[in-house]
Amino acid sequence: MARITKSDLLSCLRGAGAECAEISMGGRCSAIATTRGARILGLFAGKDPDTPNALWTNEMISDLLAGKLRDWEGEGAGSTGGERLWIGPERPFYYRRPETFEDWFCPCGMDPGNYRLVSDEGGHAPTYENVFDLEDIRAGRTYRNVRLTRQFKAVSDPFPGRHALKAILPRLHYAGVRKTDSIELADAPADAKINLWTLALVDPGAPGGVGTVVVPVQSGAGAIDYFGGLTGERLVTRKDHVTFRIDGGAIGKIGIRPEDIGPGHKAQIAAFLPSRSKSRLLLVLQRSSDVPRDQSECLDEAKANPAGPKGAIQSYNNGPGADPKAPYKRFGEIEIQLVAARPTDDGRKLAATAVSDLLAFEGPREDILTFGRLVLGVGEIRLFE
């Protein structure tokens, strides 16, 4: 499926009667947020109606919106697409048999949930709220009335004061959204372990298309193989960054320890993706400073080695899995495990708030590569082909 355009996505949402908000960025670009799932469903680096979505869109979106298909029903059906907020860690909340990481599911109260639009500030900053019950299967307890809130605002200047980047930006198309996400648990015990988790779905393009995820790391650091079995054809460690192949060819996931993120402790993960022609590239970036600082604050265990290190930055490549004939969708994910909920000063609840940015840039191949290298603070970037 070709990347859906802005006009087609809006037509699809309006035809389904789905409540949505368009966040304009000075008339040059925009994002589309939906009340269903409180997602950034579309991010458009360009002002034309035929600008393609920088994020992955499920080709079955019309059936999902119409209720003909439930989110996450069956392998590969997935969700509508875009960027979403989940809670972590995965093991106690998404596996019906968490001890053996078996029988995965998505808690529907969380996603798509039952979000409502609580304010929009004139369309400039839509804010959504979802209240639901969440079962911690591993601990054998249920958290009642978990509250998630999301607010989206346009990011007009993603790199204030960075003159080298601003020299390239006029040659690129850009769109960006700042997300402020919060969680509150009113009746959870103080030892409950739960964190915010932002995931953006990216599109490697038509069959045969390949994307490259790049994560800057400290010298000598590597990646955690979350599911096991990754080879140098899909995961490459260089002196200052890690690259991971996104192509829909196989299931795999990597993680980067918070200790390996680097100076300033700002988590950054970028996907370099095919664009309209071979001479152009699309760059999608997630970043946040509200991340775990070390292993004691990092909660998401690796399926391949639960007792081993845990990652704060993650990337996933979807694929056919054990059955190559099973239906699946071609997408990747760039993810950040955000801060964990902590007791409030009055001790009455657990809470956390995290701010993260989702940015997209499209332009000439060499400009995007140079721009990406400067943004990430890494040396030469070699893309998977």
Protein backbone atom coordinates (compact mmCIF):
# COMPACT_ATOMS: atom_id res chain seq x y z
CA MET A 1 0.00 0.00 0.00
CA ALA A 2 1.35 3.44 -0.93
CA ARG A 3 1.56 5.94 1.90
CA ILE A 4 -1.85 7.51 2.42
CA THR A 5 -2.16 11.20 1.58
CA LYS A 6 -3.52 13.87 3.88
CA SER A 7 -6.67 14.37 1.82
CA ASP A 8 -7.38 10.63 1.66
CA LEU A 9 -6.84 10.18 5.40
CA LEU A 10 -9.16 13.07 6.25
CA SER A 11 -11.77 11.71 3.83
CA CYS A 12 -11.50 8.27 5.47
CA LEU A 13 -11.90 9.69 8.98
CA ARG A 14 -14.81 11.95 8.06
CA GLY A 15 -16.54 9.16 6.16
CA ALA A 16 -16.37 6.99 9.27
CA GLY A 17 -17.56 9.82 11.52
CA ALA A 18 -14.32 9.62 13.49
CA GLU A 19 -13.58 12.68 15.63
CA CYS A 20 -10.23 14.19 14.68
CA ALA A 21 -8.25 17.39 15.12
CA GLU A 22 -5.90 18.94 12.59
CA ILE A 23 -2.89 20.64 14.18
CA SER A 24 -1.57 23.26 11.77
CA MET A 25 2.03 24.41 11.78
CA GLY A 26 2.04 27.84 10.22
CA GLY A 27 0.20 26.62 7.12
CA ARG A 28 3.30 24.75 5.95
CA CYS A 29 2.56 21.33 7.44
CA SER A 30 0.20 19.62 9.84
CA ALA A 31 -0.64 16.64 11.99
CA ILE A 32 -3.93 14.80 12.44
CA ALA A 33 -4.89 13.51 15.87
CA THR A 34 -7.82 11.18 16.50
CA THR A 35 -9.91 10.86 19.63
CA ARG A 36 -10.04 7.13 18.95
CA GLY A 37 -6.86 5.90 20.62
CA ALA A 38 -5.61 9.48 21.18
CA ARG A 39 -3.14 9.03 18.36
CA ILE A 40 -1.08 11.14 16.06
CA LEU A 41 -2.50 9.25 13.10
CA GLY A 42 -1.03 11.50 10.42
CA LEU A 43 2.12 13.63 10.25
CA PHE A 44 2.46 15.60 7.02
CA ALA A 45 5.74 17.32 6.14
CA GLY A 46 4.22 19.53 3.44
CA LYS A 47 1.20 21.77 2.87
CA ASP A 48 -0.28 20.10 -0.20
CA PRO A 49 -3.36 17.86 0.21
CA ASP A 50 -1.49 15.05 -1.57
CA THR A 51 1.40 15.11 0.93
CA PRO A 52 1.95 11.49 2.05
CA ASN A 53 1.78 10.46 5.68
CA ALA A 54 5.18 10.19 7.35
CA LEU A 55 3.73 7.45 9.58
CA TRP A 56 2.47 3.98 8.74
CA THR A 57 -1.28 3.60 8.11
CA ASN A 58 -3.02 0.25 8.26
CA GLU A 59 -4.56 -0.54 4.88
CA MET A 60 -7.54 -1.95 6.83
CA ILE A 61 -8.19 1.39 8.56
CA SER A 62 -11.70 1.76 7.10
CA ASP A 63 -12.78 -1.61 8.53
CA LEU A 64 -11.20 -0.76 11.88
CA LEU A 65 -12.99 2.58 12.06
CA ALA A 66 -16.28 0.98 11.01
CA GLY A 67 -15.99 -1.69 13.69
CA LYS A 68 -15.82 -4.52 11.16
CA LEU A 69 -12.44 -5.50 12.60
CA ARG A 70 -11.24 -5.09 16.17
CA ASP A 71 -7.85 -3.58 16.88
CA TRP A 72 -5.15 -6.23 17.40
CA GLU A 73 -7.51 -9.03 16.31
CA GLY A 74 -5.35 -11.80 14.88
CA GLU A 75 -1.71 -11.74 13.87
CA GLY A 76 -0.80 -8.66 11.90
CA ALA A 77 -4.20 -6.94 11.99
CA GLY A 78 -2.75 -4.36 14.33
CA SER A 79 -4.29 -0.96 14.79
CA THR A 80 -5.11 2.05 12.66
CA GLY A 81 -1.45 3.10 12.65
CA GLY A 82 0.35 6.32 13.54
CA GLU A 83 1.87 7.03 16.95
CA ARG A 84 0.34 5.66 20.14
CA LEU A 85 0.76 5.75 23.92
CA TRP A 86 1.00 2.45 25.75
CA ILE A 87 2.05 1.50 29.23
CA GLY A 88 5.01 -0.72 30.07
CA PRO A 89 6.53 -3.07 30.89
CA GLU A 90 5.16 -5.53 28.38
CA ARG A 91 5.54 -8.79 30.30
CA PRO A 92 2.96 -8.32 33.11
CA PHE A 93 0.30 -6.50 31.07
CA TYR A 94 0.33 -8.01 27.54
CA TYR A 95 0.91 -11.74 28.07
CA ARG A 96 -1.79 -14.01 29.46
CA ARG A 97 1.06 -16.35 30.45
CA PRO A 98 3.74 -13.86 31.46
CA GLU A 99 6.16 -16.33 33.00
CA THR A 100 6.79 -17.85 29.58
CA PHE A 101 6.00 -14.77 27.43
CA GLU A 102 3.09 -16.59 25.76
CA ASP A 103 -0.37 -15.65 24.50
CA TRP A 104 0.20 -11.97 23.72
CA PHE A 105 -2.74 -9.57 23.63
CA CYS A 106 -3.33 -5.83 23.88
CA PRO A 107 -5.52 -4.54 26.75
CA CYS A 108 -8.37 -2.92 24.81
CA GLY A 109 -9.22 -0.59 27.70
CA MET A 110 -5.83 1.00 27.14
CA ASP A 111 -5.78 0.93 23.33
CA PRO A 112 -7.87 2.03 21.59
CA GLY A 113 -9.49 2.64 24.96
CA ASN A 114 -12.34 5.09 25.44
CA TYR A 115 -10.61 8.44 25.09
CA ARG A 116 -12.56 11.67 25.09
CA LEU A 117 -11.51 15.12 23.98
CA VAL A 118 -11.41 17.25 27.14
CA SER A 119 -10.05 20.50 25.61
CA ASP A 120 -8.55 21.73 22.36
CA GLU A 121 -7.45 25.34 22.99
CA GLY A 122 -8.98 26.48 19.73
CA GLY A 123 -7.65 23.46 17.86
CA HIS A 124 -4.03 24.27 18.70
CA ALA A 125 -3.53 21.79 21.57
CA PRO A 126 -6.06 18.94 21.72
CA THR A 127 -6.04 17.09 25.05
CA TYR A 128 -7.47 13.60 25.50
CA GLU A 129 -8.32 11.50 28.56
CA ASN A 130 -8.93 7.79 29.05
CA VAL A 131 -9.93 6.05 32.32
CA PHE A 132 -9.81 2.25 32.46
CA ASP A 133 -9.00 -0.78 34.58
CA LEU A 134 -5.70 -2.55 33.97
CA GLU A 135 -4.84 -6.10 35.00
CA ASP A 136 -1.31 -6.88 36.16
CA ILE A 137 -1.43 -10.56 35.28
CA ARG A 138 1.99 -11.37 36.67
CA ALA A 139 1.28 -9.81 40.08
CA GLY A 140 -2.31 -11.08 40.16
CA ARG A 141 -3.92 -7.69 40.78
CA THR A 142 -6.01 -5.11 38.94
CA TYR A 143 -5.47 -1.36 38.98
CA ARG A 144 -8.80 0.46 38.95
CA ASN A 145 -9.44 3.78 37.24
CA VAL A 146 -6.05 4.21 35.62
CA ARG A 147 -6.04 7.64 33.99
CA LEU A 148 -4.06 8.44 30.84
CA THR A 149 -3.97 11.95 29.38
CA ARG A 150 -2.35 13.20 26.19
CA GLN A 151 -1.85 16.71 24.85
CA PHE A 152 -0.47 17.52 21.39
CA LYS A 153 1.09 20.81 20.28
CA ALA A 154 2.92 21.86 17.16
CA VAL A 155 6.71 22.23 17.37
CA SER A 156 7.55 25.23 15.19
CA ASP A 157 11.28 25.35 16.00
CA PRO A 158 12.64 21.88 16.79
CA PHE A 159 16.28 22.98 17.14
CA PRO A 160 16.51 26.47 18.66
CA GLY A 161 19.98 27.94 18.49
CA ARG A 162 21.46 25.20 16.29
CA HIS A 163 22.57 27.27 13.31
CA ALA A 164 24.12 24.39 11.33
CA LEU A 165 20.74 22.65 11.28
CA LYS A 166 18.84 25.80 10.40
CA ALA A 167 21.02 26.23 7.33
CA ILE A 168 19.68 22.91 5.96
CA LEU A 169 16.06 23.16 7.15
CA PRO A 170 14.90 25.52 4.35
CA ARG A 171 15.67 22.73 1.84
CA LEU A 172 13.53 20.23 3.75
CA HIS A 173 9.84 19.69 4.38
CA TYR A 174 9.15 19.46 8.11
CA ALA A 175 6.37 18.64 10.59
CA GLY A 176 6.59 18.13 14.34
CA VAL A 177 4.41 17.53 17.39
CA ARG A 178 5.21 17.77 21.10
CA LYS A 179 3.38 15.22 23.22
CA THR A 180 2.75 15.64 26.94
CA ASP A 181 1.61 12.34 28.40
CA SER A 182 0.55 11.53 31.96
CA ILE A 183 -0.56 8.52 33.95
CA GLU A 184 -2.26 8.38 37.35
CA LEU A 185 -3.06 5.27 39.42
CA ALA A 186 -5.24 6.07 42.41
CA ASP A 187 -5.28 2.72 44.18
CA ALA A 188 -2.00 1.10 43.18
CA PRO A 189 0.46 0.00 45.86
CA ALA A 190 3.73 1.90 46.11
CA ASP A 191 5.67 -1.07 44.72
CA ALA A 192 3.68 -1.18 41.45
CA LYS A 193 5.96 -1.04 38.41
CA ILE A 194 4.43 0.77 35.44
CA ASN A 195 5.74 3.31 32.94
CA LEU A 196 4.67 5.35 29.94
CA TRP A 197 5.68 4.11 26.48
CA THR A 198 5.49 5.98 23.15
CA LEU A 199 5.54 4.02 19.87
CA ALA A 200 5.55 5.49 16.37
CA LEU A 201 4.85 3.19 13.43
CA VAL A 202 6.96 3.81 10.33
CA ASP A 203 6.61 2.55 6.77
CA PRO A 204 9.49 0.95 4.82
CA GLY A 205 7.52 1.57 1.64
CA ALA A 206 6.34 -0.79 -1.07
CA PRO A 207 7.48 -4.44 -1.08
CA GLY A 208 11.24 -4.40 -1.44
CA GLY A 209 11.52 -1.08 0.37
CA VAL A 210 13.97 -0.91 3.24
CA GLY A 211 14.28 1.53 6.13
CA THR A 212 17.15 2.07 8.55
CA VAL A 213 16.68 2.87 12.23
CA VAL A 214 19.59 4.76 13.80
CA VAL A 215 20.14 5.16 17.55
CA PRO A 216 23.13 7.20 18.82
CA VAL A 217 25.02 5.47 21.65
CA GLN A 218 28.14 5.97 23.68
CA SER A 219 31.40 4.56 22.36
CA GLY A 220 31.54 0.79 22.67
CA ALA A 221 27.84 0.32 23.44
CA GLY A 222 25.69 -2.17 21.60
CA ALA A 223 22.04 -3.20 21.35
CA ILE A 224 19.97 -5.71 23.28
CA ASP A 225 18.42 -8.39 21.05
CA TYR A 226 14.96 -8.52 22.64
CA PHE A 227 13.62 -11.58 20.85
CA GLY A 228 16.89 -13.30 19.90
CA GLY A 229 18.30 -14.42 16.57
CA LEU A 230 19.32 -11.08 15.01
CA THR A 231 22.34 -11.16 12.70
CA GLY A 232 24.61 -8.59 11.08
CA GLU A 233 22.21 -8.47 8.14
CA ARG A 234 19.71 -6.72 10.39
CA LEU A 235 21.67 -5.19 13.26
CA VAL A 236 24.99 -3.35 12.98
CA THR A 237 26.89 -1.69 15.83
CA ARG A 238 29.23 1.17 14.98
CA LYS A 239 31.44 3.28 17.25
CA ASP A 240 28.79 5.91 18.00
CA HIS A 241 25.48 4.45 16.83
CA VAL A 242 23.46 1.31 16.16
CA THR A 243 21.57 0.61 12.93
CA PHE A 244 18.59 -1.74 12.61
CA ARG A 245 16.91 -2.90 9.39
CA ILE A 246 13.19 -2.18 8.88
CA ASP A 247 11.72 -4.10 5.93
CA GLY A 248 8.81 -6.31 7.04
CA GLY A 249 10.93 -9.37 6.27
CA ALA A 250 11.16 -10.85 9.78
CA ILE A 251 10.11 -10.23 13.35
CA GLY A 252 12.81 -8.65 15.50
CA LYS A 253 13.29 -6.07 18.23
CA ILE A 254 16.24 -4.21 19.71
CA GLY A 255 16.73 -2.15 22.85
CA ILE A 256 19.33 0.36 24.03
CA ARG A 257 20.18 0.59 27.72
CA PRO A 258 19.64 4.00 29.34
CA GLU A 259 23.29 3.88 30.44
CA ASP A 260 24.32 3.82 26.76
CA ILE A 261 22.23 6.77 25.55
CA GLY A 262 25.03 9.29 25.92
CA PRO A 263 25.67 12.83 27.20
CA GLY A 264 22.68 14.91 28.29
CA HIS A 265 20.60 11.76 28.64
CA LYS A 266 18.28 12.71 25.80
CA ALA A 267 16.87 9.64 24.10
CA GLN A 268 16.80 9.87 20.30
CA ILE A 269 15.77 7.29 17.74
CA ALA A 270 15.43 7.96 14.01
CA ALA A 271 14.13 6.05 11.00
CA PHE A 272 15.47 6.84 7.51
CA LEU A 273 12.85 5.70 5.01
CA PRO A 274 12.23 5.65 1.24
CA SER A 275 10.43 8.72 -0.07
CA ARG A 276 8.90 9.75 -3.40
CA SER A 277 12.01 8.87 -5.42
CA LYS A 278 15.45 7.33 -4.94
CA SER A 279 16.95 10.80 -4.75
CA ARG A 280 14.89 11.69 -1.65
CA LEU A 281 14.53 10.38 1.89
CA LEU A 282 12.07 10.64 4.76
CA LEU A 283 13.39 10.98 8.31
CA VAL A 284 11.11 10.29 11.29
CA LEU A 285 12.51 11.04 14.75
CA GLN A 286 11.33 10.42 18.32
CA ARG A 287 13.11 12.13 21.23
CA SER A 288 12.62 12.69 24.96
CA SER A 289 14.58 13.58 28.08
CA ASP A 290 11.95 11.99 30.36
CA VAL A 291 13.45 8.51 30.26
CA PRO A 292 14.88 6.00 32.74
CA ARG A 293 18.36 6.91 33.96
CA ASP A 294 19.67 3.43 34.70
CA GLN A 295 18.66 -0.22 34.99
CA SER A 296 16.92 0.35 38.32
CA GLU A 297 14.45 2.69 36.58
CA CYS A 298 14.16 0.64 33.37
CA LEU A 299 11.30 -1.90 33.54
CA ASP A 300 10.86 -3.68 30.18
CA GLU A 301 12.48 -7.13 30.20
CA ALA A 302 13.85 -8.75 27.05
CA LYS A 303 12.01 -11.91 26.05
CA ALA A 304 15.26 -13.59 24.98
CA ASN A 305 16.96 -12.85 28.32
CA PRO A 306 14.57 -11.60 31.03
CA ALA A 307 17.34 -11.49 33.64
CA GLY A 308 19.61 -9.46 31.37
CA PRO A 309 19.81 -5.75 30.58
CA LYS A 310 16.71 -3.71 29.73
CA GLY A 311 16.28 -1.03 27.07
CA ALA A 312 14.89 2.50 27.29
CA ILE A 313 15.01 3.05 23.52
CA GLN A 314 13.55 0.29 21.34
CA SER A 315 12.81 -0.53 17.72
CA TYR A 316 10.61 -3.27 16.28
CA ASN A 317 10.43 -4.78 12.79
CA ASN A 318 7.22 -6.60 11.93
CA GLY A 319 7.34 -9.69 9.73
CA PRO A 320 5.76 -13.04 8.92
CA GLY A 321 6.80 -14.75 12.15
CA ALA A 322 6.90 -18.53 12.45
CA ASP A 323 4.35 -19.04 9.68
CA PRO A 324 5.47 -17.30 6.45
CA LYS A 325 1.96 -17.73 5.01
CA ALA A 326 0.26 -15.91 7.87
CA PRO A 327 -1.04 -12.39 7.16
CA TYR A 328 1.17 -9.58 8.38
CA LYS A 329 1.79 -5.92 7.75
CA ARG A 330 5.01 -4.24 6.63
CA PHE A 331 5.93 -1.72 9.28
CA GLY A 332 8.54 -0.85 11.84
CA GLU A 333 8.36 0.99 15.14
CA ILE A 334 10.56 3.57 16.85
CA GLU A 335 9.84 3.50 20.56
CA ILE A 336 10.87 5.13 23.82
CA GLN A 337 10.16 3.65 27.24
CA LEU A 338 9.39 6.79 29.26
CA VAL A 339 9.51 7.47 33.00
CA ALA A 340 7.87 5.18 35.52
CA ALA A 341 5.03 6.19 37.83
CA ARG A 342 6.13 7.17 41.32
CA PRO A 343 4.25 7.98 44.56
CA THR A 344 3.04 11.58 44.71
CA ASP A 345 4.11 13.82 47.60
CA ASP A 346 0.89 13.14 49.48
CA GLY A 347 1.27 9.39 48.92
CA ARG A 348 -2.29 9.09 47.63
CA LYS A 349 -1.47 7.85 44.13
CA LEU A 350 1.23 6.95 41.65
CA ALA A 351 1.81 9.34 38.78
CA ALA A 352 4.19 10.28 35.97
CA THR A 353 4.36 12.87 33.22
CA ALA A 354 6.64 12.74 30.20
CA VAL A 355 7.26 15.07 27.27
CA SER A 356 8.40 13.71 23.91
CA ASP A 357 8.67 14.98 20.35
CA LEU A 358 7.68 13.29 17.11
CA LEU A 359 9.35 14.98 14.12
CA ALA A 360 9.38 14.29 10.37
CA PHE A 361 11.68 15.68 7.65
CA GLU A 362 11.58 14.98 3.91
CA GLY A 363 14.00 16.14 1.27
CA PRO A 364 17.01 15.40 -0.96
CA ARG A 365 18.85 12.27 0.09
CA GLU A 366 22.21 13.89 0.90
CA ASP A 367 20.57 16.74 2.79
CA ILE A 368 18.57 14.31 4.92
CA LEU A 369 21.66 12.20 5.66
CA THR A 370 23.71 15.25 6.63
CA PHE A 371 20.85 16.66 8.67
CA GLY A 372 20.28 13.33 10.43
CA ARG A 373 23.98 12.96 11.25
CA LEU A 374 24.04 16.45 12.83
CA VAL A 375 20.80 15.93 14.74
CA LEU A 376 21.91 12.58 16.15
CA GLY A 377 25.51 13.62 16.72
CA VAL A 378 26.98 10.64 14.88
CA GLY A 379 29.50 10.06 12.11
CA GLU A 380 28.79 8.62 8.69
CA ILE A 381 25.40 6.89 8.44
CA ARG A 382 25.24 3.81 6.21
CA LEU A 383 21.74 2.84 5.26
CA PHE A 384 20.55 -0.70 4.68
CA GLU A 385 19.67 -1.27 1.03
